[in-house]
Each structure stands twice: as structure tokens, then as C-alpha cells.
N, C-alpha and C. Protein backbone atom coordinates (compact mmCIF):
# COMPACT_ATOMS: atom_id res chain seq x y z
N MET A 1 126.07 109.82 105.02
CA MET A 1 124.76 108.77 105.59
C MET A 1 124.38 109.68 106.23
N SER A 2 122.83 109.54 105.99
CA SER A 2 121.86 110.13 107.42
C SER A 2 121.89 109.45 108.68
N CYS A 3 121.45 110.39 109.48
CA CYS A 3 121.23 109.47 110.49
C CYS A 3 120.71 108.25 110.75
N GLU A 4 119.25 108.27 109.71
CA GLU A 4 118.19 107.33 109.83
C GLU A 4 119.09 106.70 109.13
N GLU A 5 119.73 106.16 108.02
CA GLU A 5 120.73 105.20 107.47
C GLU A 5 121.24 104.29 108.27
N ALA A 6 122.12 105.40 109.12
CA ALA A 6 123.07 104.92 110.02
C ALA A 6 122.58 104.13 111.31
N SER A 7 121.16 103.95 111.23
CA SER A 7 120.75 103.86 112.40
C SER A 7 119.97 102.30 111.96
N HIS A 8 119.83 102.04 110.34
CA HIS A 8 119.17 101.19 110.03
C HIS A 8 120.52 99.87 109.78
N VAL A 9 121.69 100.98 109.07
CA VAL A 9 122.87 100.09 109.27
C VAL A 9 123.22 99.53 110.49
N CYS A 10 123.01 100.04 111.66
CA CYS A 10 123.54 99.64 112.95
C CYS A 10 122.75 98.11 112.73
N ASP A 11 121.82 98.33 112.65
CA ASP A 11 120.42 97.33 113.10
C ASP A 11 120.82 96.14 112.51
N LYS A 12 121.34 96.43 110.89
CA LYS A 12 121.32 95.25 110.15
C LYS A 12 122.66 94.51 110.46
N ALA A 13 123.74 95.43 110.74
CA ALA A 13 125.28 94.91 111.51
C ALA A 13 124.78 94.06 112.30
N GLN A 14 124.06 94.52 113.49
CA GLN A 14 123.86 93.57 114.48
C GLN A 14 123.39 91.82 114.16
N TYR A 15 122.57 91.80 113.12
CA TYR A 15 122.49 90.56 113.01
C TYR A 15 123.15 89.81 111.44
N ASN A 16 124.50 90.43 111.28
CA ASN A 16 125.37 89.98 109.94
C ASN A 16 124.30 90.42 108.59
N GLU A 17 123.59 91.31 108.54
CA GLU A 17 123.28 91.94 107.52
C GLU A 17 123.61 92.41 106.60
N SER A 18 125.00 93.04 107.20
CA SER A 18 125.30 94.62 106.46
C SER A 18 126.70 94.44 105.33
N THR A 19 126.43 95.29 104.56
CA THR A 19 127.70 94.67 103.74
C THR A 19 128.93 95.28 104.54
N PHE A 20 129.83 94.97 103.85
CA PHE A 20 131.27 96.05 104.50
C PHE A 20 131.13 97.42 103.95
N LEU A 21 130.79 97.68 102.89
CA LEU A 21 130.74 99.24 102.51
C LEU A 21 129.82 100.08 103.22
N GLU A 22 128.15 99.46 103.76
CA GLU A 22 127.57 99.81 105.01
C GLU A 22 128.42 99.83 106.17
N ARG A 23 129.40 99.01 106.43
CA ARG A 23 129.76 98.97 107.28
C ARG A 23 130.90 100.23 107.78
N LEU A 24 131.47 100.52 106.47
CA LEU A 24 132.54 101.79 106.76
C LEU A 24 131.91 102.69 106.68
N LYS A 25 130.53 102.56 105.68
CA LYS A 25 130.15 104.30 105.85
C LYS A 25 129.47 104.76 106.99
N LEU A 26 128.88 103.49 107.96
CA LEU A 26 128.54 103.40 109.36
C LEU A 26 130.04 103.88 110.43
N ARG A 27 130.49 103.46 110.42
CA ARG A 27 131.91 103.73 110.95
C ARG A 27 132.46 105.01 110.97
N ILE A 28 132.30 105.38 109.99
CA ILE A 28 133.02 106.83 109.15
C ILE A 28 131.99 107.81 109.90
N HIS A 29 130.49 107.81 109.83
CA HIS A 29 129.53 108.64 110.31
C HIS A 29 129.49 108.70 111.73
N ILE A 30 129.71 107.52 112.69
CA ILE A 30 129.76 108.12 113.98
C ILE A 30 130.97 108.46 114.60
N LEU A 31 132.19 108.13 113.82
CA LEU A 31 133.57 109.46 113.90
C LEU A 31 132.30 111.19 114.24
N PHE A 32 131.11 111.35 113.34
CA PHE A 32 130.91 113.01 113.35
C PHE A 32 130.02 112.81 114.28
N CYS A 33 129.24 112.18 114.42
CA CYS A 33 127.83 112.09 115.28
C CYS A 33 127.63 111.27 115.84
N ASP A 34 127.47 112.02 117.16
CA ASP A 34 127.54 111.44 118.64
C ASP A 34 126.09 110.53 118.95
N LEU A 35 125.37 110.87 118.70
CA LEU A 35 124.15 110.43 118.87
C LEU A 35 123.74 109.00 118.19
N CYS A 36 124.27 108.99 116.98
CA CYS A 36 124.26 107.37 116.61
C CYS A 36 125.06 106.57 116.76
N LYS A 37 126.78 107.11 117.58
CA LYS A 37 127.96 106.48 117.81
C LYS A 37 127.08 106.05 119.61
N LYS A 38 126.57 106.29 120.29
CA LYS A 38 125.34 106.48 121.56
C LYS A 38 124.41 104.70 120.88
N HIS A 39 123.61 105.14 120.13
CA HIS A 39 122.82 104.17 119.48
C HIS A 39 123.33 103.23 119.18
N THR A 40 124.95 103.19 118.38
CA THR A 40 125.92 102.02 118.01
C THR A 40 126.35 101.12 119.68
N ILE A 41 126.75 101.90 119.75
CA ILE A 41 127.65 101.46 121.63
C ILE A 41 125.96 100.79 122.21
N ASP A 42 124.94 100.80 122.48
CA ASP A 42 123.44 100.55 123.24
C ASP A 42 123.03 99.42 122.25
N ASN A 43 123.31 99.24 120.90
CA ASN A 43 123.14 98.50 120.18
C ASN A 43 123.60 96.96 120.53
N HIS A 44 125.25 97.46 120.60
CA HIS A 44 125.88 96.56 120.85
C HIS A 44 125.79 95.25 121.92
N LYS A 45 125.71 96.32 122.74
CA LYS A 45 125.39 95.97 124.31
C LYS A 45 123.95 94.97 124.23
N LEU A 46 123.33 95.73 123.63
CA LEU A 46 122.22 94.71 123.45
C LEU A 46 122.42 93.53 122.70
N THR A 47 122.80 92.97 121.46
CA THR A 47 123.33 91.90 121.22
C THR A 47 123.95 91.15 122.08
N GLU A 48 125.41 91.82 122.82
CA GLU A 48 125.76 90.92 123.35
C GLU A 48 125.07 90.41 124.76
N THR A 49 124.26 90.83 125.36
CA THR A 49 123.51 90.55 126.26
C THR A 49 122.64 89.44 125.78
N ILE A 50 121.56 89.64 124.54
CA ILE A 50 121.09 88.65 123.92
C ILE A 50 121.77 87.18 123.93
N LYS A 51 122.99 87.73 123.53
CA LYS A 51 123.98 86.23 123.24
C LYS A 51 123.86 85.73 124.56
N LYS A 52 124.11 86.11 125.52
CA LYS A 52 124.74 86.26 126.74
C LYS A 52 123.36 85.12 127.01
N SER A 53 122.38 85.17 127.18
CA SER A 53 121.13 85.23 127.95
C SER A 53 120.52 83.67 127.21
N ASN A 54 120.62 82.54 126.47
CA ASN A 54 120.59 81.69 125.59
C ASN A 54 119.43 81.55 125.13
N ILE A 55 118.36 82.42 125.12
CA ILE A 55 117.15 82.51 125.08
C ILE A 55 117.00 81.95 123.59
N VAL A 56 116.55 80.86 123.46
CA VAL A 56 115.48 79.83 122.48
C VAL A 56 114.62 80.99 121.07
N CYS A 57 115.17 81.07 119.94
CA CYS A 57 114.66 81.40 118.86
C CYS A 57 113.40 80.96 118.16
N LEU A 58 112.89 81.24 117.50
CA LEU A 58 112.18 80.94 116.10
C LEU A 58 113.04 79.65 115.48
N ASP A 59 112.88 78.41 115.17
CA ASP A 59 114.03 77.60 114.22
C ASP A 59 113.68 78.69 112.76
N SER A 60 114.09 77.38 111.84
CA SER A 60 114.52 78.80 110.68
C SER A 60 113.14 78.33 109.79
N LYS A 61 112.68 76.85 109.62
CA LYS A 61 111.19 77.18 109.35
C LYS A 61 110.08 77.85 109.74
N SER A 62 110.45 78.46 111.00
CA SER A 62 109.70 79.27 111.42
C SER A 62 109.57 80.81 110.95
N LYS A 63 110.52 81.03 110.76
CA LYS A 63 111.25 82.41 110.48
C LYS A 63 111.13 82.22 108.73
N SER A 64 111.10 81.50 108.09
CA SER A 64 111.15 81.37 106.96
C SER A 64 108.96 81.66 106.27
N GLU A 65 108.76 80.84 107.35
CA GLU A 65 107.45 80.99 107.18
C GLU A 65 106.48 82.90 107.78
N MET A 66 107.04 82.89 108.20
CA MET A 66 106.75 84.41 109.03
C MET A 66 107.45 85.44 108.19
N LYS A 67 108.16 85.26 107.60
CA LYS A 67 108.99 85.80 106.39
C LYS A 67 108.05 86.24 105.65
N LYS A 68 107.81 85.03 104.82
CA LYS A 68 107.09 84.95 103.80
C LYS A 68 105.77 85.96 104.05
N CYS A 69 104.86 85.40 105.17
CA CYS A 69 103.59 86.16 105.69
C CYS A 69 103.89 87.69 105.73
N LEU A 70 104.58 88.00 106.42
CA LEU A 70 105.25 89.43 106.40
C LEU A 70 105.50 90.65 104.91
N GLU A 71 106.36 89.60 104.22
CA GLU A 71 106.17 89.90 102.37
C GLU A 71 104.90 90.07 102.24
N LYS A 72 104.25 89.10 102.19
CA LYS A 72 102.15 89.29 101.36
C LYS A 72 101.34 90.08 102.56
N GLU A 73 102.04 90.83 103.38
CA GLU A 73 101.08 91.72 103.83
C GLU A 73 101.58 92.74 103.44
N ILE A 74 102.93 93.12 103.68
CA ILE A 74 103.86 94.34 103.16
C ILE A 74 102.94 94.30 101.40
N LYS A 75 103.31 93.49 100.64
CA LYS A 75 102.64 93.45 98.84
C LYS A 75 100.95 93.78 99.32
N ASN A 76 100.47 93.61 100.01
CA ASN A 76 99.02 93.91 99.88
C ASN A 76 98.74 95.59 100.23
N GLN A 77 99.59 95.75 101.87
CA GLN A 77 99.46 97.19 102.06
C GLN A 77 99.80 98.07 100.87
N ASN A 78 101.16 97.81 99.86
CA ASN A 78 101.29 98.70 99.40
C ASN A 78 100.78 98.82 97.85
N ALA A 79 100.01 97.66 97.75
CA ALA A 79 98.81 97.66 96.47
C ALA A 79 97.84 98.17 96.77
N LYS A 80 97.08 98.69 98.30
CA LYS A 80 96.65 99.53 98.57
C LYS A 80 96.85 100.91 98.47
N HIS A 81 97.63 101.45 98.16
CA HIS A 81 98.29 103.25 98.09
C HIS A 81 98.98 103.24 97.00
């Protein structure tokens, strides 16, 4: 696993979107990579801080609409290239 992929999996894990295999690979990677280990620790601290802050987030409907708009824009950008 590259450091870039480890960072991506770390971010996915923060939102419970990573698979078991991804998390396992990440754990192995951070055994050998101090930079990614620090990133993982910092990400975990950020997640805990946000959970404790009681921030009100977008409702599911708004998130879904935003996701559709982003996906549409990504498709439009990919079509241009």
C-alpha cells in the first residue's frame, strides 16, 4: 500500500466507509511508516474532537442532493477531458 492509498483509507475509515481488508492493510502499512502513523493518529483525534463538539450536520436528504450534484459535475469534467 502506498502512502497516498493509506491516507485515503485512513480518511474512509474515519467515516466508517473502509472495508475490513483496507483497514488491515492500513494497519500493516502504519507499522512501517511513521508519517502515515502520525496522519492516522491525527485523523483519529480530529474525529473524536468533532464527535465531542456536537456539530449539527446536513440531513440525509441534503447530503444526497449534494452527492448527486457532485457526481454530475465530476462526470461533466471527465467528459471534457
